[in-house]
C-alpha atoms as a PDB file:
ATOM      1  CA  MET A   1      10.424   9.504  12.626  1.00  0.00           C
ATOM      2  CA  PRO A   2       7.708   8.842  15.106  1.00  0.00           C
ATOM      3  CA  SER A   3       6.802   6.551  18.586  1.00  0.00           C
ATOM      4  CA  ARG A   4       3.566   6.753  18.454  1.00  0.00           C
ATOM      5  CA  PRO A   5       1.149   4.898  15.938  1.00  0.00           C
ATOM      6  CA  VAL A   6       1.131   6.458  12.770  1.00  0.00           C
ATOM      7  CA  LEU A   7      -2.655   4.507  11.959  1.00  0.00           C
ATOM      8  CA  ARG A   8      -5.642   4.565  12.416  1.00  0.00           C
ATOM      9  CA  GLU A   9      -8.941   3.376  11.320  1.00  0.00           C
ATOM     10  CA  MET A  10      -9.787   4.019   7.697  1.00  0.00           C
ATOM     11  CA  ARG A  11     -13.422   6.428   6.981  1.00  0.00           C
ATOM     12  CA  GLU A  12     -15.653   6.771   3.512  1.00  0.00           C
ATOM     13  CA  SER A  13     -15.233  10.301   4.514  1.00  0.00           C
ATOM     14  CA  ASP A  14     -11.320   9.883   4.008  1.00  0.00           C
ATOM     15  CA  VAL A  15     -11.699   8.863   0.472  1.00  0.00           C
ATOM     16  CA  PRO A  16     -11.083  11.967  -0.720  1.00  0.00           C
ATOM     17  CA  ALA A  17      -8.119  12.743   1.237  1.00  0.00           C
ATOM     18  CA  VAL A  18      -6.679   8.670   0.033  1.00  0.00           C
ATOM     19  CA  LEU A  19      -6.960   9.703  -3.762  1.00  0.00           C
ATOM     20  CA  ALA A  20      -5.619  13.513  -2.937  1.00  0.00           C
ATOM     21  CA  VAL A  21      -2.889  11.718  -1.531  1.00  0.00           C
ATOM     22  CA  GLN A  22      -2.742   8.349  -4.057  1.00  0.00           C
ATOM     23  CA  GLU A  23      -3.173   9.425  -7.052  1.00  0.00           C
ATOM     24  CA  PRO A  24       0.329  12.230  -7.413  1.00  0.00           C
ATOM     25  CA  ALA A  25       2.157   9.221  -5.567  1.00  0.00           C
ATOM     26  CA  ALA A  26       1.182   6.626  -8.140  1.00  0.00           C
ATOM     27  CA  VAL A  27       1.810   8.840 -11.341  1.00  0.00           C
ATOM     28  CA  ALA A  28       5.109   9.450 -10.671  1.00  0.00           C
ATOM     29  CA  GLY A  29       6.212   6.168  -8.953  1.00  0.00           C
ATOM     30  CA  LEU A  30       4.586   3.845 -11.644  1.00  0.00           C
ATOM     31  CA  SER A  31       4.942   5.742 -14.553  1.00  0.00           C
ATOM     32  CA  GLU A  32       6.982   2.344 -16.280  1.00  0.00           C
ATOM     33  CA  VAL A  33       3.795   0.404 -15.563  1.00  0.00           C
ATOM     34  CA  PHE A  34       0.764   3.209 -16.167  1.00  0.00           C
ATOM     35  CA  PRO A  35       1.950   5.728 -19.152  1.00  0.00           C
ATOM     36  CA  GLN A  36      -0.378   8.090 -18.318  1.00  0.00           C
ATOM     37  CA  ASP A  37      -1.406   9.031 -21.988  1.00  0.00           C
ATOM     38  CA  ARG A  38      -2.636   5.606 -22.741  1.00  0.00           C
ATOM     39  CA  TYR A  39      -3.270   4.704 -18.949  1.00  0.00           C
ATOM     40  CA  PRO A  40      -4.262   7.848 -16.619  1.00  0.00           C
ATOM     41  CA  PHE A  41      -5.122   7.085 -12.986  1.00  0.00           C
ATOM     42  CA  PRO A  42      -7.978   5.787 -12.599  1.00  0.00           C
ATOM     43  CA  ARG A  43      -9.853   8.177 -10.245  1.00  0.00           C
ATOM     44  CA  GLU A  44     -13.576   6.596  -9.997  1.00  0.00           C
ATOM     45  CA  ALA A  45     -12.483   3.396 -10.116  1.00  0.00           C
ATOM     46  CA  ILE A  46     -10.174   3.469  -7.334  1.00  0.00           C
ATOM     47  CA  ALA A  47     -12.338   5.613  -4.758  1.00  0.00           C
ATOM     48  CA  THR A  48     -15.268   3.060  -5.675  1.00  0.00           C
ATOM     49  CA  ARG A  49     -12.551   0.367  -4.862  1.00  0.00           C
ATOM     50  CA  TRP A  50     -11.567   2.303  -1.863  1.00  0.00           C
ATOM     51  CA  ARG A  51     -15.556   2.195  -0.875  1.00  0.00           C
ATOM     52  CA  GLU A  52     -16.034  -1.133  -1.135  1.00  0.00           C
ATOM     53  CA  GLU A  53     -13.280  -2.426   0.864  1.00  0.00           C
ATOM     54  CA  VAL A  54     -14.080   0.162   3.680  1.00  0.00           C
ATOM     55  CA  ALA A  55     -17.625  -1.144   4.041  1.00  0.00           C
ATOM     56  CA  ASP A  56     -15.768  -4.942   4.197  1.00  0.00           C
ATOM     57  CA  PRO A  57     -16.036  -6.057   7.322  1.00  0.00           C
ATOM     58  CA  LEU A  58     -13.127  -8.455   6.263  1.00  0.00           C
ATOM     59  CA  VAL A  59     -11.308  -5.524   4.930  1.00  0.00           C
ATOM     60  CA  ALA A  60      -9.244  -3.633   6.757  1.00  0.00           C
ATOM     61  CA  CYS A  61      -8.406  -0.037   5.714  1.00  0.00           C
ATOM     62  CA  PHE A  62      -5.760   2.127   7.349  1.00  0.00           C
ATOM     63  CA  VAL A  63      -5.513   5.976   6.197  1.00  0.00           C
ATOM     64  CA  VAL A  64      -1.192   7.361   7.678  1.00  0.00           C
ATOM     65  CA  GLU A  65      -1.881  10.440   9.580  1.00  0.00           C
ATOM     66  CA  GLN A  66       0.742  12.883   9.812  1.00  0.00           C
ATOM     67  CA  GLU A  67       0.548  15.611  11.323  1.00  0.00           C
ATOM     68  CA  GLY A  68      -2.977  15.339  11.715  1.00  0.00           C
ATOM     69  CA  ARG A  69      -2.942  16.132   7.886  1.00  0.00           C
ATOM     70  CA  VAL A  70      -3.256  12.373   5.724  1.00  0.00           C
ATOM     71  CA  ALA A  71      -0.747  11.211   4.335  1.00  0.00           C
ATOM     72  CA  GLY A  72      -1.079   7.616   3.288  1.00  0.00           C
ATOM     73  CA  PHE A  73      -2.842   4.176   3.592  1.00  0.00           C
ATOM     74  CA  ALA A  74      -2.926   1.099   3.870  1.00  0.00           C
ATOM     75  CA  ALA A  75      -5.063  -2.119   3.161  1.00  0.00           C
ATOM     76  CA  ILE A  76      -4.809  -5.681   4.196  1.00  0.00           C
ATOM     77  CA  ALA A  77      -6.969  -8.860   4.237  1.00  0.00           C
ATOM     78  CA  GLY A  78      -6.181 -11.683   6.315  1.00  0.00           C
ATOM     79  CA  ASP A  79      -2.645 -12.444   5.329  1.00  0.00           C
ATOM     80  CA  GLU A  80      -2.329  -9.657   2.472  1.00  0.00           C
ATOM     81  CA  VAL A  81      -0.853  -6.641   2.222  1.00  0.00           C
ATOM     82  CA  LEU A  82      -3.878  -4.868  -0.476  1.00  0.00           C
ATOM     83  CA  HIS A  83      -2.854  -1.449  -0.439  1.00  0.00           C
ATOM     84  CA  PHE A  84       0.347   0.999   0.983  1.00  0.00           C
ATOM     85  CA  GLY A  85       1.579   3.655   0.351  1.00  0.00           C
ATOM     86  CA  THR A  86       2.536   7.405   1.378  1.00  0.00           C
ATOM     87  CA  ALA A  87       2.637  10.966   0.245  1.00  0.00           C
ATOM     88  CA  LEU A  88       4.683  11.878  -2.709  1.00  0.00           C
ATOM     89  CA  ASP A  89       6.313  14.677   0.122  1.00  0.00           C
ATOM     90  CA  THR A  90       7.046  12.174   2.873  1.00  0.00           C
ATOM     91  CA  TRP A  91       9.271  10.215  -0.018  1.00  0.00           C
ATOM     92  CA  GLY A  92      12.172   9.376   2.265  1.00  0.00           C
ATOM     93  CA  SER A  93      11.402  10.976   5.661  1.00  0.00           C
ATOM     94  CA  GLY A  94      10.910   7.367   7.242  1.00  0.00           C
ATOM     95  CA  LEU A  95       7.227   8.087   7.352  1.00  0.00           C
ATOM     96  CA  ALA A  96       6.727   4.455   4.897  1.00  0.00           C
ATOM     97  CA  THR A  97       8.567   2.239   7.245  1.00  0.00           C
ATOM     98  CA  ALA A  98       6.800   3.778  10.264  1.00  0.00           C
ATOM     99  CA  ALA A  99       3.324   3.069   8.706  1.00  0.00           C
ATOM    100  CA  HIS A 100       4.931  -0.343   7.511  1.00  0.00           C
ATOM    101  CA  ASP A 101       5.918  -1.146  10.526  1.00  0.00           C
ATOM    102  CA  GLU A 102       3.179  -0.376  12.277  1.00  0.00           C
ATOM    103  CA  LEU A 103       0.776  -2.700   9.764  1.00  0.00           C
ATOM    104  CA  VAL A 104       2.834  -5.326  10.084  1.00  0.00           C
ATOM    105  CA  GLU A 105       2.677  -5.981  14.192  1.00  0.00           C
ATOM    106  CA  ARG A 106      -1.130  -6.055  13.719  1.00  0.00           C
ATOM    107  CA  LEU A 107      -0.782  -8.541  11.332  1.00  0.00           C
ATOM    108  CA  ARG A 108       1.798 -10.443  13.546  1.00  0.00           C
ATOM    109  CA  ALA A 109      -1.027  -9.686  16.278  1.00  0.00           C
ATOM    110  CA  GLU A 110      -3.842 -11.085  14.149  1.00  0.00           C
ATOM    111  CA  GLY A 111      -1.154 -13.886  14.341  1.00  0.00           C
ATOM    112  CA  VAL A 112       0.140 -13.998  10.983  1.00  0.00           C
ATOM    113  CA  VAL A 113       2.876 -16.148  10.701  1.00  0.00           C
ATOM    114  CA  ARG A 114       3.651 -15.352   7.037  1.00  0.00           C
ATOM    115  CA  PRO A 115       2.335 -10.954   5.866  1.00  0.00           C
ATOM    116  CA  ARG A 116       2.167 -11.615   1.634  1.00  0.00           C
ATOM    117  CA  LEU A 117       1.908  -8.845  -0.944  1.00  0.00           C
ATOM    118  CA  PHE A 118       1.875  -8.041  -4.244  1.00  0.00           C
ATOM    119  CA  VAL A 119       4.402  -5.413  -6.459  1.00  0.00           C
ATOM    120  CA  TYR A 120       3.979  -4.218  -9.425  1.00  0.00           C
ATOM    121  CA  ALA A 121       7.421  -6.179 -11.226  1.00  0.00           C
ATOM    122  CA  GLY A 122       7.914  -2.619 -13.122  1.00  0.00           C
ATOM    123  CA  ASN A 123       8.213  -0.630  -9.649  1.00  0.00           C
ATOM    124  CA  ALA A 124      11.815  -0.504  -8.980  1.00  0.00           C
ATOM    125  CA  ARG A 125      10.672   1.867  -5.972  1.00  0.00           C
ATOM    126  CA  GLY A 126       8.581   0.111  -4.296  1.00  0.00           C
ATOM    127  CA  ARG A 127       9.785  -3.500  -4.958  1.00  0.00           C
ATOM    128  CA  ARG A 128      13.910  -1.797  -3.081  1.00  0.00           C
ATOM    129  CA  PHE A 129      10.803  -0.492  -0.286  1.00  0.00           C
ATOM    130  CA  TRP A 130      10.036  -4.491  -0.080  1.00  0.00           C
ATOM    131  CA  HIS A 131      13.646  -5.406   0.192  1.00  0.00           C
ATOM    132  CA  LYS A 132      14.978  -3.108   2.524  1.00  0.00           C
ATOM    133  CA  HIS A 133      12.183  -4.129   5.301  1.00  0.00           C
ATOM    134  CA  GLY A 134      12.649  -7.960   4.776  1.00  0.00           C
ATOM    135  CA  TRP A 135      10.011  -9.345   2.276  1.00  0.00           C
ATOM    136  CA  ARG A 136      11.448 -11.509  -0.181  1.00  0.00           C
ATOM    137  CA  PRO A 137       9.746 -12.395  -3.806  1.00  0.00           C
ATOM    138  CA  THR A 138       8.201 -16.365  -3.981  1.00  0.00           C
ATOM    139  CA  GLY A 139       8.025 -16.625  -7.374  1.00  0.00           C
ATOM    140  CA  GLU A 140       4.932 -16.821  -7.884  1.00  0.00           C
ATOM    141  CA  VAL A 141       3.355 -14.416 -11.142  1.00  0.00           C
ATOM    142  CA  THR A 142       0.183 -12.107 -12.006  1.00  0.00           C
ATOM    143  CA  SER A 143      -1.313  -9.973 -13.057  1.00  0.00           C
ATOM    144  CA  GLY A 144      -2.451  -5.992 -11.707  1.00  0.00           C
ATOM    145  CA  SER A 145      -6.161  -5.833 -12.293  1.00  0.00           C
ATOM    146  CA  PHE A 146      -6.182  -2.541 -14.426  1.00  0.00           C
ATOM    147  CA  PRO A 147      -5.429  -2.400 -17.799  1.00  0.00           C
ATOM    148  CA  PRO A 148      -2.094  -2.132 -19.343  1.00  0.00           C
ATOM    149  CA  TYR A 149      -2.487  -5.509 -16.546  1.00  0.00           C
ATOM    150  CA  ALA A 150       1.119  -5.436 -15.533  1.00  0.00           C
ATOM    151  CA  GLU A 151       2.795  -8.187 -14.041  1.00  0.00           C
ATOM    152  CA  LEU A 152       2.863  -8.357 -10.643  1.00  0.00           C
ATOM    153  CA  LEU A 153       5.483 -10.150  -8.015  1.00  0.00           C
ATOM    154  CA  ALA A 154       3.855 -11.420  -5.409  1.00  0.00           C
ATOM    155  CA  TYR A 155       6.295 -11.004  -1.885  1.00  0.00           C
ATOM    156  CA  GLU A 156       6.121 -12.247   1.903  1.00  0.00           C
ATOM    157  CA  LEU A 157       7.941 -11.236   5.152  1.00  0.00           C
ATOM    158  CA  HIS A 158       8.925 -14.346   7.256  1.00  0.00           C
ATOM    159  CA  ALA A 159       8.458 -14.559  11.057  1.00  0.00           C
ATOM    160  CA  ASP A 160      12.046 -14.331  12.140  1.00  0.00           C
ATOM    161  CA  ARG A 161      11.720 -10.436  10.394  1.00  0.00           C
ATOM    162  CA  ARG A 162      10.688  -7.354  11.824  1.00  0.00           C
END
């Protein structure tokens, strides 16, 4: 995987390309959490959220670039990873690891010692990814913001990891 940066600052004009990557990956990866017959991907709500976060000076939004195309996304606020994902066709390629490592470097450069995030309890693939990269559950549990308001587990990355 590339040693050069894969993250760049997201612009509002990137939102359609981000959604084109995010929706199929979310449908594939979160079908256990959000059965599409009852809880289809909330495209407009997610687009609105991205636009608001891109405009928010307290949120840093990024696109993951691969060969000149938007191939993923990430957002951080303070010590928390808010959103992270890559295109379905990049799964298993190492792109997500490269983006993860760069994102953690950015958090560390901001002085964050213990980055944190929330992942759906029913997202087995996502949980494996975070575990593989040194993140561990904290025991904190909350609920997602979209129906069916599924269980979210808090994770953190300790300073001795990446």
